[in-house]
Amino acid sequence: AVRYLYVAAILWLDQSGRITFRISKTNRDYLRELAKHSQAGEPFSSLTALFERAVYRGETPDAELCGTMQMLLERIQHADAATESR
């Protein structure tokens, strides 16, 4: 679930034109690319940190982690919508 939530965020940001998805990019590449979009940048940064803790540090993902990641994904989507409405 952790991977799916993270990929969903990347694909959402790609579809909205905030970043460009490329299989060769790293998480840091996406963070740098998104830095100019402050509305979605902060929740994506937090989402990335949670993703990396679970995937690279081996922390066991639980319902709370997935719930937090889902909330951050929703914040990214709402930030994106708020930016477009301006």
PDB file of N, CA and C in Angstrom:
ATOM      1  N   ALA A   1       0.823  -1.195   0.000  1.00  0.00           N
ATOM      2  CA  ALA A   1       0.000   0.000   0.000  1.00  0.00           C
ATOM      3  C   ALA A   1       0.865   1.255   0.000  1.00  0.00           C
ATOM      4  N   VAL A   2       1.992   1.215   0.712  1.00  0.00           N
ATOM      5  CA  VAL A   2       2.879   2.368   0.796  1.00  0.00           C
ATOM      6  C   VAL A   2       3.381   2.756  -0.589  1.00  0.00           C
ATOM      7  N   ARG A   3       3.798   1.778  -1.349  1.00  0.00           N
ATOM      8  CA  ARG A   3       4.296   2.055  -2.701  1.00  0.00           C
ATOM      9  C   ARG A   3       3.195   2.599  -3.603  1.00  0.00           C
ATOM     10  N   TYR A   4       2.004   2.037  -3.509  1.00  0.00           N
ATOM     11  CA  TYR A   4       0.891   2.490  -4.340  1.00  0.00           C
ATOM     12  C   TYR A   4       0.517   3.938  -4.030  1.00  0.00           C
ATOM     13  N   LEU A   5       0.503   4.294  -2.763  1.00  0.00           N
ATOM     14  CA  LEU A   5       0.178   5.670  -2.388  1.00  0.00           C
ATOM     15  C   LEU A   5       1.230   6.644  -2.905  1.00  0.00           C
ATOM     16  N   TYR A   6       2.487   6.248  -2.823  1.00  0.00           N
ATOM     17  CA  TYR A   6       3.553   7.132  -3.300  1.00  0.00           C
ATOM     18  C   TYR A   6       3.505   7.288  -4.821  1.00  0.00           C
ATOM     19  N   VAL A   7       3.313   6.187  -5.510  1.00  0.00           N
ATOM     20  CA  VAL A   7       3.218   6.249  -6.974  1.00  0.00           C
ATOM     21  C   VAL A   7       1.981   7.047  -7.388  1.00  0.00           C
ATOM     22  N   ALA A   8       0.895   6.903  -6.653  1.00  0.00           N
ATOM     23  CA  ALA A   8      -0.318   7.673  -6.960  1.00  0.00           C
ATOM     24  C   ALA A   8      -0.033   9.169  -6.880  1.00  0.00           C
ATOM     25  N   ALA A   9       0.731   9.584  -5.884  1.00  0.00           N
ATOM     26  CA  ALA A   9       1.081  10.997  -5.751  1.00  0.00           C
ATOM     27  C   ALA A   9       1.927  11.456  -6.934  1.00  0.00           C
ATOM     28  N   ILE A  10       2.919  10.671  -7.297  1.00  0.00           N
ATOM     29  CA  ILE A  10       3.784  11.035  -8.428  1.00  0.00           C
ATOM     30  C   ILE A  10       2.969  11.127  -9.709  1.00  0.00           C
ATOM     31  N   LEU A  11       2.111  10.161  -9.955  1.00  0.00           N
ATOM     32  CA  LEU A  11       1.308  10.181 -11.181  1.00  0.00           C
ATOM     33  C   LEU A  11       0.310  11.335 -11.178  1.00  0.00           C
ATOM     34  N   TRP A  12      -0.256  11.649 -10.023  1.00  0.00           N
ATOM     35  CA  TRP A  12      -1.171  12.790  -9.921  1.00  0.00           C
ATOM     36  C   TRP A  12      -0.430  14.092 -10.261  1.00  0.00           C
ATOM     37  N   LEU A  13       0.751  14.263  -9.686  1.00  0.00           N
ATOM     38  CA  LEU A  13       1.538  15.466  -9.938  1.00  0.00           C
ATOM     39  C   LEU A  13       1.988  15.544 -11.393  1.00  0.00           C
ATOM     40  N   ASP A  14       2.291  14.410 -11.981  1.00  0.00           N
ATOM     41  CA  ASP A  14       2.654  14.375 -13.396  1.00  0.00           C
ATOM     42  C   ASP A  14       1.455  14.786 -14.255  1.00  0.00           C
ATOM     43  N   GLN A  15       0.311  14.208 -13.973  1.00  0.00           N
ATOM     44  CA  GLN A  15      -0.896  14.505 -14.744  1.00  0.00           C
ATOM     45  C   GLN A  15      -1.280  15.979 -14.636  1.00  0.00           C
ATOM     46  N   SER A  16      -1.042  16.577 -13.475  1.00  0.00           N
ATOM     47  CA  SER A  16      -1.399  17.981 -13.269  1.00  0.00           C
ATOM     48  C   SER A  16      -0.331  18.939 -13.803  1.00  0.00           C
ATOM     49  N   GLY A  17       0.775  18.390 -14.307  1.00  0.00           N
ATOM     50  CA  GLY A  17       1.818  19.218 -14.889  1.00  0.00           C
ATOM     51  C   GLY A  17       2.801  19.802 -13.888  1.00  0.00           C
ATOM     52  N   ARG A  18       2.759  19.356 -12.648  1.00  0.00           N
ATOM     53  CA  ARG A  18       3.663  19.885 -11.626  1.00  0.00           C
ATOM     54  C   ARG A  18       5.056  19.261 -11.702  1.00  0.00           C
ATOM     55  N   ILE A  19       5.102  18.005 -12.091  1.00  0.00           N
ATOM     56  CA  ILE A  19       6.367  17.301 -12.295  1.00  0.00           C
ATOM     57  C   ILE A  19       6.234  16.480 -13.572  1.00  0.00           C
ATOM     58  N   THR A  20       7.346  15.956 -14.024  1.00  0.00           N
ATOM     59  CA  THR A  20       7.330  15.062 -15.178  1.00  0.00           C
ATOM     60  C   THR A  20       7.846  13.705 -14.722  1.00  0.00           C
ATOM     61  N   PHE A  21       6.988  12.701 -14.814  1.00  0.00           N
ATOM     62  CA  PHE A  21       7.381  11.353 -14.411  1.00  0.00           C
ATOM     63  C   PHE A  21       8.395  10.786 -15.389  1.00  0.00           C
ATOM     64  N   ARG A  22       9.446  10.244 -14.840  1.00  0.00           N
ATOM     65  CA  ARG A  22      10.452   9.494 -15.593  1.00  0.00           C
ATOM     66  C   ARG A  22      10.918   8.371 -14.682  1.00  0.00           C
ATOM     67  N   ILE A  23      10.990   7.176 -15.204  1.00  0.00           N
ATOM     68  CA  ILE A  23      11.400   6.014 -14.412  1.00  0.00           C
ATOM     69  C   ILE A  23      12.802   6.206 -13.830  1.00  0.00           C
ATOM     70  N   SER A  24      13.626   6.998 -14.497  1.00  0.00           N
ATOM     71  CA  SER A  24      15.014   7.181 -14.056  1.00  0.00           C
ATOM     72  C   SER A  24      15.167   8.215 -12.943  1.00  0.00           C
ATOM     73  N   LYS A  25      14.113   8.949 -12.615  1.00  0.00           N
ATOM     74  CA  LYS A  25      14.220   9.982 -11.585  1.00  0.00           C
ATOM     75  C   LYS A  25      14.208   9.371 -10.190  1.00  0.00           C
ATOM     76  N   THR A  26      14.893  10.059  -9.295  1.00  0.00           N
ATOM     77  CA  THR A  26      14.894   9.655  -7.883  1.00  0.00           C
ATOM     78  C   THR A  26      13.843  10.475  -7.129  1.00  0.00           C
ATOM     79  N   ASN A  27      13.596  10.081  -5.894  1.00  0.00           N
ATOM     80  CA  ASN A  27      12.681  10.851  -5.053  1.00  0.00           C
ATOM     81  C   ASN A  27      13.180  12.288  -4.907  1.00  0.00           C
ATOM     82  N   ARG A  28      14.476  12.458  -4.752  1.00  0.00           N
ATOM     83  CA  ARG A  28      15.063  13.805  -4.625  1.00  0.00           C
ATOM     84  C   ARG A  28      14.850  14.623  -5.887  1.00  0.00           C
ATOM     85  N   ASP A  29      14.924  13.982  -7.052  1.00  0.00           N
ATOM     86  CA  ASP A  29      14.651  14.693  -8.302  1.00  0.00           C
ATOM     87  C   ASP A  29      13.239  15.275  -8.286  1.00  0.00           C
ATOM     88  N   TYR A  30      12.279  14.465  -7.856  1.00  0.00           N
ATOM     89  CA  TYR A  30      10.893  14.941  -7.791  1.00  0.00           C
ATOM     90  C   TYR A  30      10.748  16.061  -6.769  1.00  0.00           C
ATOM     91  N   LEU A  31      11.396  15.946  -5.630  1.00  0.00           N
ATOM     92  CA  LEU A  31      11.325  16.996  -4.614  1.00  0.00           C
ATOM     93  C   LEU A  31      11.890  18.311  -5.141  1.00  0.00           C
ATOM     94  N   ARG A  32      13.014  18.248  -5.842  1.00  0.00           N
ATOM     95  CA  ARG A  32      13.601  19.466  -6.422  1.00  0.00           C
ATOM     96  C   ARG A  32      12.678  20.058  -7.479  1.00  0.00           C
ATOM     97  N   GLU A  33      12.117  19.208  -8.307  1.00  0.00           N
ATOM     98  CA  GLU A  33      11.234  19.679  -9.367  1.00  0.00           C
ATOM     99  C   GLU A  33       9.974  20.325  -8.791  1.00  0.00           C
ATOM    100  N   LEU A  34       9.487  19.795  -7.708  1.00  0.00           N
ATOM    101  CA  LEU A  34       8.253  20.287  -7.106  1.00  0.00           C
ATOM    102  C   LEU A  34       8.489  21.488  -6.189  1.00  0.00           C
ATOM    103  N   ALA A  35       9.722  21.798  -5.876  1.00  0.00           N
ATOM    104  CA  ALA A  35      10.032  22.876  -4.930  1.00  0.00           C
ATOM    105  C   ALA A  35       9.409  24.201  -5.351  1.00  0.00           C
ATOM    106  N   LYS A  36       9.271  24.441  -6.621  1.00  0.00           N
ATOM    107  CA  LYS A  36       8.704  25.711  -7.089  1.00  0.00           C
ATOM    108  C   LYS A  36       7.185  25.771  -6.918  1.00  0.00           C
ATOM    109  N   HIS A  37       6.561  24.658  -6.551  1.00  0.00           N
ATOM    110  CA  HIS A  37       5.118  24.598  -6.327  1.00  0.00           C
ATOM    111  C   HIS A  37       4.877  24.366  -4.838  1.00  0.00           C
ATOM    112  N   SER A  38       4.979  25.431  -4.067  1.00  0.00           N
ATOM    113  CA  SER A  38       4.989  25.291  -2.614  1.00  0.00           C
ATOM    114  C   SER A  38       3.717  24.665  -2.043  1.00  0.00           C
ATOM    115  N   GLN A  39       2.582  24.839  -2.687  1.00  0.00           N
ATOM    116  CA  GLN A  39       1.340  24.282  -2.148  1.00  0.00           C
ATOM    117  C   GLN A  39       1.398  22.761  -2.035  1.00  0.00           C
ATOM    118  N   ALA A  40       1.898  22.099  -3.050  1.00  0.00           N
ATOM    119  CA  ALA A  40       1.984  20.642  -3.041  1.00  0.00           C
ATOM    120  C   ALA A  40       3.340  20.152  -2.544  1.00  0.00           C
ATOM    121  N   GLY A  41       4.316  21.027  -2.510  1.00  0.00           N
ATOM    122  CA  GLY A  41       5.663  20.626  -2.136  1.00  0.00           C
ATOM    123  C   GLY A  41       5.794  20.105  -0.719  1.00  0.00           C
ATOM    124  N   GLU A  42       5.171  20.784   0.230  1.00  0.00           N
ATOM    125  CA  GLU A  42       5.294  20.379   1.636  1.00  0.00           C
ATOM    126  C   GLU A  42       4.647  19.021   1.896  1.00  0.00           C
ATOM    127  N   PRO A  43       3.397  18.795   1.463  1.00  0.00           N
ATOM    128  CA  PRO A  43       2.836  17.460   1.718  1.00  0.00           C
ATOM    129  C   PRO A  43       3.564  16.356   0.951  1.00  0.00           C
ATOM    130  N   PHE A  44       4.092  16.676  -0.236  1.00  0.00           N
ATOM    131  CA  PHE A  44       4.831  15.658  -0.982  1.00  0.00           C
ATOM    132  C   PHE A  44       6.145  15.336  -0.285  1.00  0.00           C
ATOM    133  N   SER A  45       6.786  16.343   0.288  1.00  0.00           N
ATOM    134  CA  SER A  45       8.017  16.118   1.041  1.00  0.00           C
ATOM    135  C   SER A  45       7.752  15.202   2.237  1.00  0.00           C
ATOM    136  N   SER A  46       6.656  15.459   2.951  1.00  0.00           N
ATOM    137  CA  SER A  46       6.289  14.610   4.093  1.00  0.00           C
ATOM    138  C   SER A  46       5.953  13.195   3.639  1.00  0.00           C
ATOM    139  N   LEU A  47       5.240  13.086   2.531  1.00  0.00           N
ATOM    140  CA  LEU A  47       4.895  11.774   1.985  1.00  0.00           C
ATOM    141  C   LEU A  47       6.158  11.005   1.606  1.00  0.00           C
ATOM    142  N   THR A  48       7.105  11.689   1.001  1.00  0.00           N
ATOM    143  CA  THR A  48       8.372  11.067   0.611  1.00  0.00           C
ATOM    144  C   THR A  48       9.121  10.549   1.842  1.00  0.00           C
ATOM    145  N   ALA A  49       9.147  11.340   2.895  1.00  0.00           N
ATOM    146  CA  ALA A  49       9.843  10.915   4.121  1.00  0.00           C
ATOM    147  C   ALA A  49       9.213   9.651   4.700  1.00  0.00           C
ATOM    148  N   LEU A  50       7.878   9.588   4.726  1.00  0.00           N
ATOM    149  CA  LEU A  50       7.207   8.391   5.230  1.00  0.00           C
ATOM    150  C   LEU A  50       7.471   7.186   4.334  1.00  0.00           C
ATOM    151  N   PHE A  51       7.406   7.408   3.028  1.00  0.00           N
ATOM    152  CA  PHE A  51       7.674   6.335   2.075  1.00  0.00           C
ATOM    153  C   PHE A  51       9.087   5.781   2.283  1.00  0.00           C
ATOM    154  N   GLU A  52      10.060   6.663   2.391  1.00  0.00           N
ATOM    155  CA  GLU A  52      11.445   6.221   2.546  1.00  0.00           C
ATOM    156  C   GLU A  52      11.680   5.498   3.864  1.00  0.00           C
ATOM    157  N   ARG A  53      11.015   5.944   4.925  1.00  0.00           N
ATOM    158  CA  ARG A  53      11.138   5.226   6.204  1.00  0.00           C
ATOM    159  C   ARG A  53      10.658   3.790   6.073  1.00  0.00           C
ATOM    160  N   ALA A  54       9.542   3.601   5.395  1.00  0.00           N
ATOM    161  CA  ALA A  54       8.969   2.256   5.271  1.00  0.00           C
ATOM    162  C   ALA A  54       9.760   1.394   4.293  1.00  0.00           C
ATOM    163  N   VAL A  55      10.151   1.969   3.180  1.00  0.00           N
ATOM    164  CA  VAL A  55      10.775   1.165   2.121  1.00  0.00           C
ATOM    165  C   VAL A  55      12.275   0.989   2.321  1.00  0.00           C
ATOM    166  N   TYR A  56      12.973   2.055   2.670  1.00  0.00           N
ATOM    167  CA  TYR A  56      14.431   1.986   2.733  1.00  0.00           C
ATOM    168  C   TYR A  56      14.979   1.726   4.132  1.00  0.00           C
ATOM    169  N   ARG A  57      14.234   2.110   5.159  1.00  0.00           N
ATOM    170  CA  ARG A  57      14.709   1.864   6.529  1.00  0.00           C
ATOM    171  C   ARG A  57      14.086   0.615   7.124  1.00  0.00           C
ATOM    172  N   GLY A  58      13.137   0.044   6.412  1.00  0.00           N
ATOM    173  CA  GLY A  58      12.546  -1.198   6.860  1.00  0.00           C
ATOM    174  C   GLY A  58      11.528  -1.085   7.981  1.00  0.00           C
ATOM    175  N   GLU A  59      11.022   0.126   8.230  1.00  0.00           N
ATOM    176  CA  GLU A  59       9.984   0.269   9.248  1.00  0.00           C
ATOM    177  C   GLU A  59       8.713  -0.418   8.754  1.00  0.00           C
ATOM    178  N   THR A  60       8.075  -1.138   9.621  1.00  0.00           N
ATOM    179  CA  THR A  60       6.879  -1.876   9.240  1.00  0.00           C
ATOM    180  C   THR A  60       5.714  -0.922   9.041  1.00  0.00           C
ATOM    181  N   PRO A  61       5.172  -0.896   7.823  1.00  0.00           N
ATOM    182  CA  PRO A  61       4.012  -0.031   7.591  1.00  0.00           C
ATOM    183  C   PRO A  61       2.784  -0.599   8.292  1.00  0.00           C
ATOM    184  N   ASP A  62       2.045   0.271   8.942  1.00  0.00           N
ATOM    185  CA  ASP A  62       0.820  -0.146   9.606  1.00  0.00           C
ATOM    186  C   ASP A  62      -0.327   0.725   9.115  1.00  0.00           C
ATOM    187  N   ALA A  63      -1.504   0.499   9.674  1.00  0.00           N
ATOM    188  CA  ALA A  63      -2.692   1.245   9.244  1.00  0.00           C
ATOM    189  C   ALA A  63      -2.522   2.743   9.487  1.00  0.00           C
ATOM    190  N   GLU A  64      -1.868   3.106  10.583  1.00  0.00           N
ATOM    191  CA  GLU A  64      -1.664   4.522  10.882  1.00  0.00           C
ATOM    192  C   GLU A  64      -0.778   5.188   9.826  1.00  0.00           C
ATOM    193  N   LEU A  65       0.315   4.523   9.446  1.00  0.00           N
ATOM    194  CA  LEU A  65       1.203   5.067   8.422  1.00  0.00           C
ATOM    195  C   LEU A  65       0.458   5.226   7.109  1.00  0.00           C
ATOM    196  N   CYS A  66      -0.273   4.204   6.711  1.00  0.00           N
ATOM    197  CA  CYS A  66      -1.016   4.276   5.453  1.00  0.00           C
ATOM    198  C   CYS A  66      -2.083   5.363   5.504  1.00  0.00           C
ATOM    199  N   GLY A  67      -2.724   5.522   6.644  1.00  0.00           N
ATOM    200  CA  GLY A  67      -3.720   6.577   6.798  1.00  0.00           C
ATOM    201  C   GLY A  67      -3.101   7.963   6.676  1.00  0.00           C
ATOM    202  N   THR A  68      -1.939   8.140   7.268  1.00  0.00           N
ATOM    203  CA  THR A  68      -1.234   9.417   7.166  1.00  0.00           C
ATOM    204  C   THR A  68      -0.823   9.684   5.726  1.00  0.00           C
ATOM    205  N   MET A  69      -0.332   8.654   5.051  1.00  0.00           N
ATOM    206  CA  MET A  69       0.052   8.816   3.658  1.00  0.00           C
ATOM    207  C   MET A  69      -1.161   9.152   2.789  1.00  0.00           C
ATOM    208  N   GLN A  70      -2.290   8.529   3.056  1.00  0.00           N
ATOM    209  CA  GLN A  70      -3.514   8.832   2.320  1.00  0.00           C
ATOM    210  C   GLN A  70      -3.925  10.290   2.535  1.00  0.00           C
ATOM    211  N   MET A  71      -3.826  10.768   3.770  1.00  0.00           N
ATOM    212  CA  MET A  71      -4.155  12.149   4.073  1.00  0.00           C
ATOM    213  C   MET A  71      -3.229  13.116   3.329  1.00  0.00           C
ATOM    214  N   LEU A  72      -1.940  12.788   3.279  1.00  0.00           N
ATOM    215  CA  LEU A  72      -0.988  13.630   2.555  1.00  0.00           C
ATOM    216  C   LEU A  72      -1.277  13.630   1.060  1.00  0.00           C
ATOM    217  N   LEU A  73      -1.644  12.472   0.510  1.00  0.00           N
ATOM    218  CA  LEU A  73      -2.016  12.407  -0.902  1.00  0.00           C
ATOM    219  C   LEU A  73      -3.211  13.316  -1.175  1.00  0.00           C
ATOM    220  N   GLU A  74      -4.189  13.297  -0.295  1.00  0.00           N
ATOM    221  CA  GLU A  74      -5.353  14.163  -0.452  1.00  0.00           C
ATOM    222  C   GLU A  74      -4.960  15.640  -0.350  1.00  0.00           C
ATOM    223  N   ARG A  75      -4.030  15.972   0.534  1.00  0.00           N
ATOM    224  CA  ARG A  75      -3.541  17.356   0.628  1.00  0.00           C
ATOM    225  C   ARG A  75      -2.848  17.777  -0.655  1.00  0.00           C
ATOM    226  N   ILE A  76      -2.092  16.869  -1.248  1.00  0.00           N
ATOM    227  CA  ILE A  76      -1.438  17.163  -2.528  1.00  0.00           C
ATOM    228  C   ILE A  76      -2.488  17.437  -3.589  1.00  0.00           C
ATOM    229  N   GLN A  77      -3.506  16.606  -3.637  1.00  0.00           N
ATOM    230  CA  GLN A  77      -4.560  16.774  -4.638  1.00  0.00           C
ATOM    231  C   GLN A  77      -5.330  18.074  -4.419  1.00  0.00           C
ATOM    232  N   HIS A  78      -5.616  18.414  -3.175  1.00  0.00           N
ATOM    233  CA  HIS A  78      -6.333  19.654  -2.891  1.00  0.00           C
ATOM    234  C   HIS A  78      -5.460  20.873  -3.151  1.00  0.00           C
ATOM    235  N   ALA A  79      -4.190  20.783  -2.840  1.00  0.00           N
ATOM    236  CA  ALA A  79      -3.267  21.885  -3.113  1.00  0.00           C
ATOM    237  C   ALA A  79      -3.196  22.122  -4.609  1.00  0.00           C
ATOM    238  N   ASP A  80      -3.181  21.048  -5.353  1.00  0.00           N
ATOM    239  CA  ASP A  80      -3.142  21.133  -6.803  1.00  0.00           C
ATOM    240  C   ASP A  80      -4.404  21.822  -7.326  1.00  0.00           C
ATOM    241  N   ALA A  81      -5.547  21.444  -6.808  1.00  0.00           N
ATOM    242  CA  ALA A  81      -6.819  22.040  -7.237  1.00  0.00           C
ATOM    243  C   ALA A  81      -6.874  23.519  -6.852  1.00  0.00           C
ATOM    244  N   ALA A  82      -6.383  23.867  -5.673  1.00  0.00           N
ATOM    245  CA  ALA A  82      -6.383  25.253  -5.226  1.00  0.00           C
ATOM    246  C   ALA A  82      -5.493  26.120  -6.110  1.00  0.00           C
ATOM    247  N   THR A  83      -4.372  25.573  -6.528  1.00  0.00           N
ATOM    248  CA  THR A  83      -3.450  26.306  -7.393  1.00  0.00           C
ATOM    249  C   THR A  83      -4.089  26.558  -8.755  1.00  0.00           C
ATOM    250  N   GLU A  84      -4.781  25.561  -9.287  1.00  0.00           N
ATOM    251  CA  GLU A  84      -5.419  25.709 -10.600  1.00  0.00           C
ATOM    252  C   GLU A  84      -6.557  26.707 -10.577  1.00  0.00           C
ATOM    253  N   SER A  85      -7.261  26.862  -9.462  1.00  0.00           N
ATOM    254  CA  SER A  85      -8.413  27.746  -9.394  1.00  0.00           C
ATOM    255  C   SER A  85      -8.013  29.212  -9.282  1.00  0.00           C
ATOM    256  N   ARG A  86      -6.727  29.470  -9.060  1.00  0.00           N
ATOM    257  CA  ARG A  86      -6.267  30.861  -8.949  1.00  0.00           C
ATOM    258  C   ARG A  86      -6.124  31.508 -10.294  1.00  0.00           C
TER     259      ARG A  86
END
